[in-house]
Amino acid sequence: MLKGEVPGIEPVAGKLAMSTRSLQNKLKKEGTTYQKLLEQVRKEIAKNYLKQPEVAIVDIAFLLGFSEQSVFNHAFKRWTGSTPHKYRQQVIK
């Protein structure tokens, strides 16, 4: 559901055949929130895409629902302490 946009909690809850409130309660019981889980998923997907040199960083940003590459760069650095470009250089040696 990330293809070019960030899915809100409502459509995700719908895909899981539950109400938004039920999903929020289940996540709370697990000690997390929808936003935290979304960030974790986006980070892992980004790391996997960055291992593929043929996929441009700007395309990764779009696929993960970021409005601009600079916003993705900032988020990735917050998640990992590294820019996407530097991370890619380290994993594709």
PDB file of N, CA and C in Angstrom:
ATOM      1  N   MET A   1       0.811  -1.209   0.000  1.00  0.00           N
ATOM      2  CA  MET A   1       0.000   0.000   0.000  1.00  0.00           C
ATOM      3  C   MET A   1       0.849   1.265   0.000  1.00  0.00           C
ATOM      4  N   LEU A   2       2.164   1.133  -0.013  1.00  0.00           N
ATOM      5  CA  LEU A   2       3.029   2.313   0.020  1.00  0.00           C
ATOM      6  C   LEU A   2       3.322   2.889  -1.360  1.00  0.00           C
ATOM      7  N   LYS A   3       2.929   2.254  -2.403  1.00  0.00           N
ATOM      8  CA  LYS A   3       3.301   2.677  -3.750  1.00  0.00           C
ATOM      9  C   LYS A   3       2.935   4.131  -4.028  1.00  0.00           C
ATOM     10  N   GLY A   4       3.836   5.037  -3.748  1.00  0.00           N
ATOM     11  CA  GLY A   4       3.651   6.445  -4.070  1.00  0.00           C
ATOM     12  C   GLY A   4       2.894   7.272  -3.058  1.00  0.00           C
ATOM     13  N   GLU A   5       2.367   6.655  -2.026  1.00  0.00           N
ATOM     14  CA  GLU A   5       1.659   7.427  -1.006  1.00  0.00           C
ATOM     15  C   GLU A   5       1.742   6.698   0.329  1.00  0.00           C
ATOM     16  N   VAL A   6       1.550   7.436   1.382  1.00  0.00           N
ATOM     17  CA  VAL A   6       1.568   6.853   2.719  1.00  0.00           C
ATOM     18  C   VAL A   6       0.141   6.489   3.101  1.00  0.00           C
ATOM     19  N   PRO A   7      -0.105   5.213   3.325  1.00  0.00           N
ATOM     20  CA  PRO A   7      -1.477   4.833   3.679  1.00  0.00           C
ATOM     21  C   PRO A   7      -1.825   5.267   5.097  1.00  0.00           C
ATOM     22  N   GLY A   8      -2.993   5.818   5.238  1.00  0.00           N
ATOM     23  CA  GLY A   8      -3.475   6.167   6.571  1.00  0.00           C
ATOM     24  C   GLY A   8      -3.912   4.908   7.300  1.00  0.00           C
ATOM     25  N   ILE A   9      -4.202   5.070   8.550  1.00  0.00           N
ATOM     26  CA  ILE A   9      -4.589   3.921   9.354  1.00  0.00           C
ATOM     27  C   ILE A   9      -5.945   3.346   8.919  1.00  0.00           C
ATOM     28  N   GLU A  10      -6.840   4.186   8.423  1.00  0.00           N
ATOM     29  CA  GLU A  10      -8.168   3.717   8.045  1.00  0.00           C
ATOM     30  C   GLU A  10      -8.132   2.658   6.950  1.00  0.00           C
ATOM     31  N   PRO A  11      -7.436   2.902   5.816  1.00  0.00           N
ATOM     32  CA  PRO A  11      -7.404   1.861   4.782  1.00  0.00           C
ATOM     33  C   PRO A  11      -6.673   0.594   5.234  1.00  0.00           C
ATOM     34  N   VAL A  12      -5.677   0.751   6.066  1.00  0.00           N
ATOM     35  CA  VAL A  12      -4.956  -0.420   6.569  1.00  0.00           C
ATOM     36  C   VAL A  12      -5.876  -1.247   7.459  1.00  0.00           C
ATOM     37  N   ALA A  13      -6.603  -0.594   8.331  1.00  0.00           N
ATOM     38  CA  ALA A  13      -7.560  -1.296   9.194  1.00  0.00           C
ATOM     39  C   ALA A  13      -8.599  -2.008   8.333  1.00  0.00           C
ATOM     40  N   GLY A  14      -9.059  -1.341   7.293  1.00  0.00           N
ATOM     41  CA  GLY A  14     -10.029  -1.950   6.389  1.00  0.00           C
ATOM     42  C   GLY A  14      -9.488  -3.210   5.733  1.00  0.00           C
ATOM     43  N   LYS A  15      -8.217  -3.170   5.280  1.00  0.00           N
ATOM     44  CA  LYS A  15      -7.585  -4.349   4.677  1.00  0.00           C
ATOM     45  C   LYS A  15      -7.492  -5.493   5.676  1.00  0.00           C
ATOM     46  N   LEU A  16      -7.389  -5.153   6.948  1.00  0.00           N
ATOM     47  CA  LEU A  16      -7.306  -6.163   8.000  1.00  0.00           C
ATOM     48  C   LEU A  16      -8.676  -6.563   8.534  1.00  0.00           C
ATOM     49  N   ALA A  17      -9.708  -6.027   7.910  1.00  0.00           N
ATOM     50  CA  ALA A  17     -11.100  -6.314   8.283  1.00  0.00           C
ATOM     51  C   ALA A  17     -11.384  -5.985   9.745  1.00  0.00           C
ATOM     52  N   MET A  18     -10.929  -4.802  10.144  1.00  0.00           N
ATOM     53  CA  MET A  18     -11.231  -4.347  11.504  1.00  0.00           C
ATOM     54  C   MET A  18     -11.413  -2.838  11.496  1.00  0.00           C
ATOM     55  N   SER A  19     -11.970  -2.333  12.559  1.00  0.00           N
ATOM     56  CA  SER A  19     -12.153  -0.891  12.667  1.00  0.00           C
ATOM     57  C   SER A  19     -10.818  -0.226  13.015  1.00  0.00           C
ATOM     58  N   THR A  20     -10.758   1.057  12.760  1.00  0.00           N
ATOM     59  CA  THR A  20      -9.560   1.818  13.104  1.00  0.00           C
ATOM     60  C   THR A  20      -9.283   1.732  14.595  1.00  0.00           C
ATOM     61  N   ARG A  21     -10.308   1.862  15.390  1.00  0.00           N
ATOM     62  CA  ARG A  21     -10.167   1.803  16.847  1.00  0.00           C
ATOM     63  C   ARG A  21      -9.634   0.437  17.298  1.00  0.00           C
ATOM     64  N   SER A  22     -10.124  -0.639  16.691  1.00  0.00           N
ATOM     65  CA  SER A  22      -9.638  -1.980  17.044  1.00  0.00           C
ATOM     66  C   SER A  22      -8.155  -2.125  16.724  1.00  0.00           C
ATOM     67  N   LEU A  23      -7.752  -1.633  15.552  1.00  0.00           N
ATOM     68  CA  LEU A  23      -6.341  -1.701  15.181  1.00  0.00           C
ATOM     69  C   LEU A  23      -5.496  -0.898  16.164  1.00  0.00           C
ATOM     70  N   GLN A  24      -5.938   0.300  16.503  1.00  0.00           N
ATOM     71  CA  GLN A  24      -5.204   1.129  17.458  1.00  0.00           C
ATOM     72  C   GLN A  24      -5.080   0.419  18.800  1.00  0.00           C
ATOM     73  N   ASN A  25      -6.146  -0.210  19.254  1.00  0.00           N
ATOM     74  CA  ASN A  25      -6.108  -0.920  20.535  1.00  0.00           C
ATOM     75  C   ASN A  25      -5.158  -2.113  20.493  1.00  0.00           C
ATOM     76  N   LYS A  26      -5.173  -2.863  19.395  1.00  0.00           N
ATOM     77  CA  LYS A  26      -4.280  -4.014  19.266  1.00  0.00           C
ATOM     78  C   LYS A  26      -2.817  -3.557  19.249  1.00  0.00           C
ATOM     79  N   LEU A  27      -2.542  -2.482  18.536  1.00  0.00           N
ATOM     80  CA  LEU A  27      -1.169  -1.963  18.493  1.00  0.00           C
ATOM     81  C   LEU A  27      -0.733  -1.457  19.861  1.00  0.00           C
ATOM     82  N   LYS A  28      -1.649  -0.820  20.565  1.00  0.00           N
ATOM     83  CA  LYS A  28      -1.342  -0.325  21.910  1.00  0.00           C
ATOM     84  C   LYS A  28      -0.990  -1.478  22.845  1.00  0.00           C
ATOM     85  N   LYS A  29      -1.730  -2.578  22.739  1.00  0.00           N
ATOM     86  CA  LYS A  29      -1.440  -3.757  23.554  1.00  0.00           C
ATOM     87  C   LYS A  29      -0.051  -4.322  23.251  1.00  0.00           C
ATOM     88  N   GLU A  30       0.395  -4.135  22.011  1.00  0.00           N
ATOM     89  CA  GLU A  30       1.723  -4.604  21.596  1.00  0.00           C
ATOM     90  C   GLU A  30       2.814  -3.573  21.922  1.00  0.00           C
ATOM     91  N   GLY A  31       2.410  -2.453  22.477  1.00  0.00           N
ATOM     92  CA  GLY A  31       3.374  -1.430  22.870  1.00  0.00           C
ATOM     93  C   GLY A  31       3.866  -0.563  21.725  1.00  0.00           C
ATOM     94  N   THR A  32       3.045  -0.421  20.697  1.00  0.00           N
ATOM     95  CA  THR A  32       3.451   0.395  19.562  1.00  0.00           C
ATOM     96  C   THR A  32       2.264   1.213  19.061  1.00  0.00           C
ATOM     97  N   THR A  33       2.507   1.998  18.042  1.00  0.00           N
ATOM     98  CA  THR A  33       1.462   2.789  17.408  1.00  0.00           C
ATOM     99  C   THR A  33       1.542   2.561  15.905  1.00  0.00           C
ATOM    100  N   TYR A  34       0.506   2.973  15.210  1.00  0.00           N
ATOM    101  CA  TYR A  34       0.499   2.862  13.758  1.00  0.00           C
ATOM    102  C   TYR A  34       1.676   3.635  13.165  1.00  0.00           C
ATOM    103  N   GLN A  35       1.918   4.832  13.663  1.00  0.00           N
ATOM    104  CA  GLN A  35       2.997   5.662  13.125  1.00  0.00           C
ATOM    105  C   GLN A  35       4.366   5.005  13.317  1.00  0.00           C
ATOM    106  N   LYS A  36       4.607   4.432  14.495  1.00  0.00           N
ATOM    107  CA  LYS A  36       5.886   3.771  14.752  1.00  0.00           C
ATOM    108  C   LYS A  36       6.073   2.568  13.833  1.00  0.00           C
ATOM    109  N   LEU A  37       5.027   1.804  13.657  1.00  0.00           N
ATOM    110  CA  LEU A  37       5.084   0.632  12.793  1.00  0.00           C
ATOM    111  C   LEU A  37       5.304   1.043  11.340  1.00  0.00           C
ATOM    112  N   LEU A  38       4.619   2.082  10.902  1.00  0.00           N
ATOM    113  CA  LEU A  38       4.786   2.590   9.550  1.00  0.00           C
ATOM    114  C   LEU A  38       6.229   3.041   9.311  1.00  0.00           C
ATOM    115  N   GLU A  39       6.790   3.761  10.254  1.00  0.00           N
ATOM    116  CA  GLU A  39       8.180   4.217  10.133  1.00  0.00           C
ATOM    117  C   GLU A  39       9.142   3.027  10.050  1.00  0.00           C
ATOM    118  N   GLN A  40       8.911   2.011  10.860  1.00  0.00           N
ATOM    119  CA  GLN A  40       9.765   0.824  10.853  1.00  0.00           C
ATOM    120  C   GLN A  40       9.697   0.116   9.496  1.00  0.00           C
ATOM    121  N   VAL A  41       8.505  -0.021   8.958  1.00  0.00           N
ATOM    122  CA  VAL A  41       8.326  -0.675   7.665  1.00  0.00           C
ATOM    123  C   VAL A  41       8.991   0.146   6.561  1.00  0.00           C
ATOM    124  N   ARG A  42       8.785   1.458   6.574  1.00  0.00           N
ATOM    125  CA  ARG A  42       9.407   2.313   5.561  1.00  0.00           C
ATOM    126  C   ARG A  42      10.924   2.230   5.628  1.00  0.00           C
ATOM    127  N   LYS A  43      11.472   2.199   6.828  1.00  0.00           N
ATOM    128  CA  LYS A  43      12.926   2.105   6.989  1.00  0.00           C
ATOM    129  C   LYS A  43      13.452   0.798   6.399  1.00  0.00           C
ATOM    130  N   GLU A  44      12.816  -0.309   6.711  1.00  0.00           N
ATOM    131  CA  GLU A  44      13.280  -1.610   6.215  1.00  0.00           C
ATOM    132  C   GLU A  44      13.160  -1.715   4.701  1.00  0.00           C
ATOM    133  N   ILE A  45      12.060  -1.206   4.157  1.00  0.00           N
ATOM    134  CA  ILE A  45      11.894  -1.218   2.703  1.00  0.00           C
ATOM    135  C   ILE A  45      12.961  -0.339   2.049  1.00  0.00           C
ATOM    136  N   ALA A  46      13.213   0.827   2.617  1.00  0.00           N
ATOM    137  CA  ALA A  46      14.241   1.728   2.081  1.00  0.00           C
ATOM    138  C   ALA A  46      15.600   1.043   2.074  1.00  0.00           C
ATOM    139  N   LYS A  47      15.947   0.381   3.159  1.00  0.00           N
ATOM    140  CA  LYS A  47      17.242  -0.298   3.235  1.00  0.00           C
ATOM    141  C   LYS A  47      17.352  -1.389   2.165  1.00  0.00           C
ATOM    142  N   ASN A  48      16.269  -2.104   1.927  1.00  0.00           N
ATOM    143  CA  ASN A  48      16.283  -3.141   0.889  1.00  0.00           C
ATOM    144  C   ASN A  48      16.434  -2.541  -0.505  1.00  0.00           C
ATOM    145  N   TYR A  49      15.711  -1.461  -0.788  1.00  0.00           N
ATOM    146  CA  TYR A  49      15.844  -0.799  -2.088  1.00  0.00           C
ATOM    147  C   TYR A  49      17.247  -0.231  -2.283  1.00  0.00           C
ATOM    148  N   LEU A  50      17.841   0.296  -1.236  1.00  0.00           N
ATOM    149  CA  LEU A  50      19.167   0.908  -1.363  1.00  0.00           C
ATOM    150  C   LEU A  50      20.252  -0.120  -1.674  1.00  0.00           C
ATOM    151  N   LYS A  51      19.964  -1.386  -1.462  1.00  0.00           N
ATOM    152  CA  LYS A  51      20.908  -2.456  -1.823  1.00  0.00           C
ATOM    153  C   LYS A  51      20.869  -2.749  -3.319  1.00  0.00           C
ATOM    154  N   GLN A  52      19.932  -2.128  -4.016  1.00  0.00           N
ATOM    155  CA  GLN A  52      19.764  -2.325  -5.456  1.00  0.00           C
ATOM    156  C   GLN A  52      20.212  -1.059  -6.187  1.00  0.00           C
ATOM    157  N   PRO A  53      21.444  -1.031  -6.679  1.00  0.00           N
ATOM    158  CA  PRO A  53      21.982   0.203  -7.276  1.00  0.00           C
ATOM    159  C   PRO A  53      21.207   0.709  -8.492  1.00  0.00           C
ATOM    160  N   GLU A  54      20.448  -0.162  -9.134  1.00  0.00           N
ATOM    161  CA  GLU A  54      19.697   0.268 -10.314  1.00  0.00           C
ATOM    162  C   GLU A  54      18.448   1.076  -9.954  1.00  0.00           C
ATOM    163  N   VAL A  55      18.076   1.113  -8.682  1.00  0.00           N
ATOM    164  CA  VAL A  55      16.910   1.883  -8.244  1.00  0.00           C
ATOM    165  C   VAL A  55      17.398   3.242  -7.726  1.00  0.00           C
ATOM    166  N   ALA A  56      16.984   4.305  -8.386  1.00  0.00           N
ATOM    167  CA  ALA A  56      17.408   5.656  -8.004  1.00  0.00           C
ATOM    168  C   ALA A  56      16.830   6.038  -6.639  1.00  0.00           C
ATOM    169  N   ILE A  57      17.595   6.804  -5.899  1.00  0.00           N
ATOM    170  CA  ILE A  57      17.150   7.237  -4.571  1.00  0.00           C
ATOM    171  C   ILE A  57      15.865   8.069  -4.672  1.00  0.00           C
ATOM    172  N   VAL A  58      15.744   8.874  -5.681  1.00  0.00           N
ATOM    173  CA  VAL A  58      14.524   9.668  -5.854  1.00  0.00           C
ATOM    174  C   VAL A  58      13.318   8.750  -6.058  1.00  0.00           C
ATOM    175  N   ASP A  59      13.519   7.630  -6.750  1.00  0.00           N
ATOM    176  CA  ASP A  59      12.428   6.671  -6.959  1.00  0.00           C
ATOM    177  C   ASP A  59      12.065   5.965  -5.656  1.00  0.00           C
ATOM    178  N   ILE A  60      13.059   5.667  -4.845  1.00  0.00           N
ATOM    179  CA  ILE A  60      12.802   5.049  -3.539  1.00  0.00           C
ATOM    180  C   ILE A  60      11.960   5.996  -2.692  1.00  0.00           C
ATOM    181  N   ALA A  61      12.335   7.263  -2.696  1.00  0.00           N
ATOM    182  CA  ALA A  61      11.579   8.265  -1.933  1.00  0.00           C
ATOM    183  C   ALA A  61      10.115   8.272  -2.369  1.00  0.00           C
ATOM    184  N   PHE A  62       9.882   8.261  -3.681  1.00  0.00           N
ATOM    185  CA  PHE A  62       8.510   8.267  -4.192  1.00  0.00           C
ATOM    186  C   PHE A  62       7.771   6.990  -3.802  1.00  0.00           C
ATOM    187  N   LEU A  63       8.421   5.840  -3.990  1.00  0.00           N
ATOM    188  CA  LEU A  63       7.783   4.555  -3.676  1.00  0.00           C
ATOM    189  C   LEU A  63       7.371   4.451  -2.217  1.00  0.00           C
ATOM    190  N   LEU A  64       8.107   5.118  -1.351  1.00  0.00           N
ATOM    191  CA  LEU A  64       7.800   5.077   0.079  1.00  0.00           C
ATOM    192  C   LEU A  64       6.847   6.183   0.513  1.00  0.00           C
ATOM    193  N   GLY A  65       6.384   6.983  -0.441  1.00  0.00           N
ATOM    194  CA  GLY A  65       5.373   7.982  -0.136  1.00  0.00           C
ATOM    195  C   GLY A  65       5.906   9.325   0.331  1.00  0.00           C
ATOM    196  N   PHE A  66       7.186   9.586   0.109  1.00  0.00           N
ATOM    197  CA  PHE A  66       7.741  10.884   0.494  1.00  0.00           C
ATOM    198  C   PHE A  66       7.478  11.892  -0.620  1.00  0.00           C
ATOM    199  N   SER A  67       7.173  13.116  -0.239  1.00  0.00           N
ATOM    200  CA  SER A  67       6.833  14.147  -1.219  1.00  0.00           C
ATOM    201  C   SER A  67       8.049  14.596  -2.025  1.00  0.00           C
ATOM    202  N   GLU A  68       9.238  14.525  -1.420  1.00  0.00           N
ATOM    203  CA  GLU A  68      10.476  14.936  -2.083  1.00  0.00           C
ATOM    204  C   GLU A  68      11.623  14.087  -1.574  1.00  0.00           C
ATOM    205  N   GLN A  69      12.678  13.992  -2.384  1.00  0.00           N
ATOM    206  CA  GLN A  69      13.845  13.214  -1.972  1.00  0.00           C
ATOM    207  C   GLN A  69      14.473  13.796  -0.711  1.00  0.00           C
ATOM    208  N   SER A  70      14.458  15.108  -0.564  1.00  0.00           N
ATOM    209  CA  SER A  70      15.073  15.730   0.615  1.00  0.00           C
ATOM    210  C   SER A  70      14.360  15.315   1.901  1.00  0.00           C
ATOM    211  N   VAL A  71      13.061  15.131   1.824  1.00  0.00           N
ATOM    212  CA  VAL A  71      12.293  14.695   2.997  1.00  0.00           C
ATOM    213  C   VAL A  71      12.679  13.250   3.340  1.00  0.00           C
ATOM    214  N   PHE A  72      12.818  12.420   2.314  1.00  0.00           N
ATOM    215  CA  PHE A  72      13.265  11.035   2.510  1.00  0.00           C
ATOM    216  C   PHE A  72      14.672  11.021   3.108  1.00  0.00           C
ATOM    217  N   ASN A  73      15.569  11.835   2.554  1.00  0.00           N
ATOM    218  CA  ASN A  73      16.950  11.883   3.066  1.00  0.00           C
ATOM    219  C   ASN A  73      16.953  12.208   4.558  1.00  0.00           C
ATOM    220  N   HIS A  74      16.163  13.175   4.951  1.00  0.00           N
ATOM    221  CA  HIS A  74      16.090  13.589   6.360  1.00  0.00           C
ATOM    222  C   HIS A  74      15.561  12.445   7.233  1.00  0.00           C
ATOM    223  N   ALA A  75      14.496  11.806   6.783  1.00  0.00           N
ATOM    224  CA  ALA A  75      13.912  10.695   7.552  1.00  0.00           C
ATOM    225  C   ALA A  75      14.897   9.539   7.657  1.00  0.00           C
ATOM    226  N   PHE A  76      15.558   9.204   6.559  1.00  0.00           N
ATOM    227  CA  PHE A  76      16.503   8.078   6.567  1.00  0.00           C
ATOM    228  C   PHE A  76      17.673   8.357   7.514  1.00  0.00           C
ATOM    229  N   LYS A  77      18.145   9.596   7.505  1.00  0.00           N
ATOM    230  CA  LYS A  77      19.239   9.952   8.410  1.00  0.00           C
ATOM    231  C   LYS A  77      18.778   9.867   9.868  1.00  0.00           C
ATOM    232  N   ARG A  78      17.548  10.245  10.137  1.00  0.00           N
ATOM    233  CA  ARG A  78      16.999  10.130  11.492  1.00  0.00           C
ATOM    234  C   ARG A  78      16.907   8.664  11.902  1.00  0.00           C
ATOM    235  N   TRP A  79      16.512   7.795  10.976  1.00  0.00           N
ATOM    236  CA  TRP A  79      16.365   6.370  11.267  1.00  0.00           C
ATOM    237  C   TRP A  79      17.698   5.666  11.474  1.00  0.00           C
ATOM    238  N   THR A  80      18.691   6.023  10.642  1.00  0.00           N
ATOM    239  CA  THR A  80      19.927   5.233  10.596  1.00  0.00           C
ATOM    240  C   THR A  80      21.188   5.984  10.994  1.00  0.00           C
ATOM    241  N   GLY A  81      21.126   7.310  11.017  1.00  0.00           N
ATOM    242  CA  GLY A  81      22.326   8.099  11.277  1.00  0.00           C
ATOM    243  C   GLY A  81      23.162   8.323  10.029  1.00  0.00           C
ATOM    244  N   SER A  82      22.674   7.861   8.884  1.00  0.00           N
ATOM    245  CA  SER A  82      23.401   7.971   7.625  1.00  0.00           C
ATOM    246  C   SER A  82      22.456   8.465   6.540  1.00  0.00           C
ATOM    247  N   THR A  83      23.004   9.115   5.530  1.00  0.00           N
ATOM    248  CA  THR A  83      22.179   9.506   4.392  1.00  0.00           C
ATOM    249  C   THR A  83      21.952   8.272   3.522  1.00  0.00           C
ATOM    250  N   PRO A  84      20.909   8.277   2.691  1.00  0.00           N
ATOM    251  CA  PRO A  84      20.689   7.140   1.800  1.00  0.00           C
ATOM    252  C   PRO A  84      21.899   6.872   0.891  1.00  0.00           C
ATOM    253  N   HIS A  85      22.510   7.928   0.385  1.00  0.00           N
ATOM    254  CA  HIS A  85      23.671   7.771  -0.507  1.00  0.00           C
ATOM    255  C   HIS A  85      24.829   7.086   0.226  1.00  0.00           C
ATOM    256  N   LYS A  86      25.146   7.539   1.421  1.00  0.00           N
ATOM    257  CA  LYS A  86      26.241   6.933   2.189  1.00  0.00           C
ATOM    258  C   LYS A  86      25.918   5.495   2.563  1.00  0.00           C
ATOM    259  N   TYR A  87      24.667   5.239   2.953  1.00  0.00           N
ATOM    260  CA  TYR A  87      24.252   3.872   3.291  1.00  0.00           C
ATOM    261  C   TYR A  87      24.436   2.967   2.100  1.00  0.00           C
ATOM    262  N   ARG A  88      24.009   3.419   0.922  1.00  0.00           N
ATOM    263  CA  ARG A  88      24.144   2.625  -0.302  1.00  0.00           C
ATOM    264  C   ARG A  88      25.612   2.327  -0.582  1.00  0.00           C
ATOM    265  N   GLN A  89      26.476   3.305  -0.427  1.00  0.00           N
ATOM    266  CA  GLN A  89      27.903   3.083  -0.658  1.00  0.00           C
ATOM    267  C   GLN A  89      28.467   2.024   0.279  1.00  0.00           C
ATOM    268  N   GLN A  90      27.995   1.994   1.510  1.00  0.00           N
ATOM    269  CA  GLN A  90      28.491   1.033   2.499  1.00  0.00           C
ATOM    270  C   GLN A  90      28.012  -0.380   2.212  1.00  0.00           C
ATOM    271  N   VAL A  91      26.778  -0.536   1.755  1.00  0.00           N
ATOM    272  CA  VAL A  91      26.232  -1.877   1.563  1.00  0.00           C
ATOM    273  C   VAL A  91      26.537  -2.479   0.189  1.00  0.00           C
ATOM    274  N   ILE A  92      26.983  -1.655  -0.749  1.00  0.00           N
ATOM    275  CA  ILE A  92      27.278  -2.156  -2.097  1.00  0.00           C
ATOM    276  C   ILE A  92      28.778  -2.120  -2.376  1.00  0.00           C
ATOM    277  N   LYS A  93      29.578  -2.379  -1.482  1.00  0.00           N
ATOM    278  CA  LYS A  93      31.033  -2.315  -1.698  1.00  0.00           C
ATOM    279  C   LYS A  93      31.532  -3.323  -2.681  1.00  0.00           C
TER     280      LYS A  93
END
